[in-house]
Amino acid sequence: MADVESHLRSIAKALSYRFVGTVATFFVALIVTRKMDLALQIGIAEPVIKLAVFYGHERLWGVIKFGRKTPPDYEI
């Protein structure tokens, strides 16, 4: 039988992935700008902006009917 992943493990993986992505963004910004202070600002702003964009994206998809199915009505 295959192992089932716990919610805590999924959260830990998501946080570690986000951290690694933010560190990568910082280094890309540092290479491109060659300025530590600007790279730090970009590295800090990136996860905040992406969180807001993700939230907006989710809310927008919440009102889009595409691909949704209405469950059938059952009489008891």
Protein backbone atom coordinates (compact mmCIF):
# COMPACT_ATOMS: atom_id res chain seq x y z
CA MET A 1 0.00 0.00 0.00
CA ALA A 2 1.30 3.48 -0.84
CA ASP A 3 2.04 5.99 1.89
CA VAL A 4 -0.49 8.80 2.29
CA GLU A 5 0.93 12.28 2.70
CA SER A 6 -0.21 14.16 5.81
CA HIS A 7 -1.52 17.71 5.67
CA LEU A 8 1.42 18.83 7.83
CA ARG A 9 3.90 17.34 5.35
CA SER A 10 2.13 19.07 2.44
CA ILE A 11 2.26 22.40 4.29
CA ALA A 12 5.96 21.92 5.09
CA LYS A 13 6.69 21.14 1.43
CA ALA A 14 4.73 24.19 0.25
CA LEU A 15 6.57 26.48 2.68
CA SER A 16 9.99 25.08 1.78
CA TYR A 17 9.20 25.41 -1.93
CA ARG A 18 8.10 29.04 -1.45
CA PHE A 19 11.28 29.75 0.54
CA VAL A 20 13.51 28.23 -2.15
CA GLY A 21 11.65 30.21 -4.84
CA THR A 22 12.09 33.46 -2.92
CA VAL A 23 15.81 32.80 -2.40
CA ALA A 24 16.16 32.10 -6.14
CA THR A 25 14.36 35.37 -6.94
CA PHE A 26 16.73 37.22 -4.60
CA PHE A 27 19.79 35.79 -6.33
CA VAL A 28 18.44 36.53 -9.81
CA ALA A 29 17.72 40.12 -8.70
CA LEU A 30 21.23 40.37 -7.23
CA ILE A 31 22.83 39.12 -10.45
CA VAL A 32 20.75 41.44 -12.62
CA THR A 33 20.96 44.58 -10.47
CA ARG A 34 24.30 43.97 -8.73
CA LYS A 35 22.83 45.85 -5.75
CA MET A 36 22.27 44.02 -2.48
CA ASP A 37 19.69 46.47 -1.12
CA LEU A 38 17.59 46.35 -4.29
CA ALA A 39 17.84 42.55 -4.46
CA LEU A 40 16.64 42.33 -0.83
CA GLN A 41 13.72 44.64 -1.57
CA ILE A 42 12.74 42.50 -4.56
CA GLY A 43 13.21 39.30 -2.52
CA ILE A 44 10.92 40.61 0.22
CA ALA A 45 8.30 42.10 -2.12
CA GLU A 46 8.06 39.01 -4.35
CA PRO A 47 6.27 36.61 -1.95
CA VAL A 48 3.92 39.36 -0.73
CA ILE A 49 2.95 40.33 -4.29
CA LYS A 50 2.58 36.71 -5.38
CA LEU A 51 0.35 35.96 -2.38
CA ALA A 52 -1.94 38.86 -3.33
CA VAL A 53 -1.98 37.82 -6.99
CA PHE A 54 -2.76 34.21 -6.04
CA TYR A 55 -5.64 35.34 -3.81
CA GLY A 56 -7.08 37.51 -6.58
CA HIS A 57 -6.67 34.69 -9.09
CA GLU A 58 -8.50 32.24 -6.81
CA ARG A 59 -11.35 34.70 -6.17
CA LEU A 60 -11.70 35.36 -9.90
CA TRP A 61 -11.89 31.65 -10.66
CA GLY A 62 -14.48 31.35 -7.91
CA VAL A 63 -16.96 33.32 -10.02
CA ILE A 64 -16.12 31.68 -13.36
CA LYS A 65 -18.56 28.88 -14.22
CA PHE A 66 -16.23 27.14 -16.71
CA GLY A 67 -15.75 23.45 -15.88
CA ARG A 68 -18.09 23.42 -12.89
CA LYS A 69 -20.77 20.82 -12.50
CA THR A 70 -23.85 21.18 -10.37
CA PRO A 71 -24.52 18.10 -8.26
CA PRO A 72 -27.83 16.42 -9.06
CA ASP A 73 -30.77 17.03 -6.74
CA TYR A 74 -31.73 13.97 -4.75
CA GLU A 75 -35.11 13.36 -3.21
CA ILE A 76 -35.17 11.50 0.04
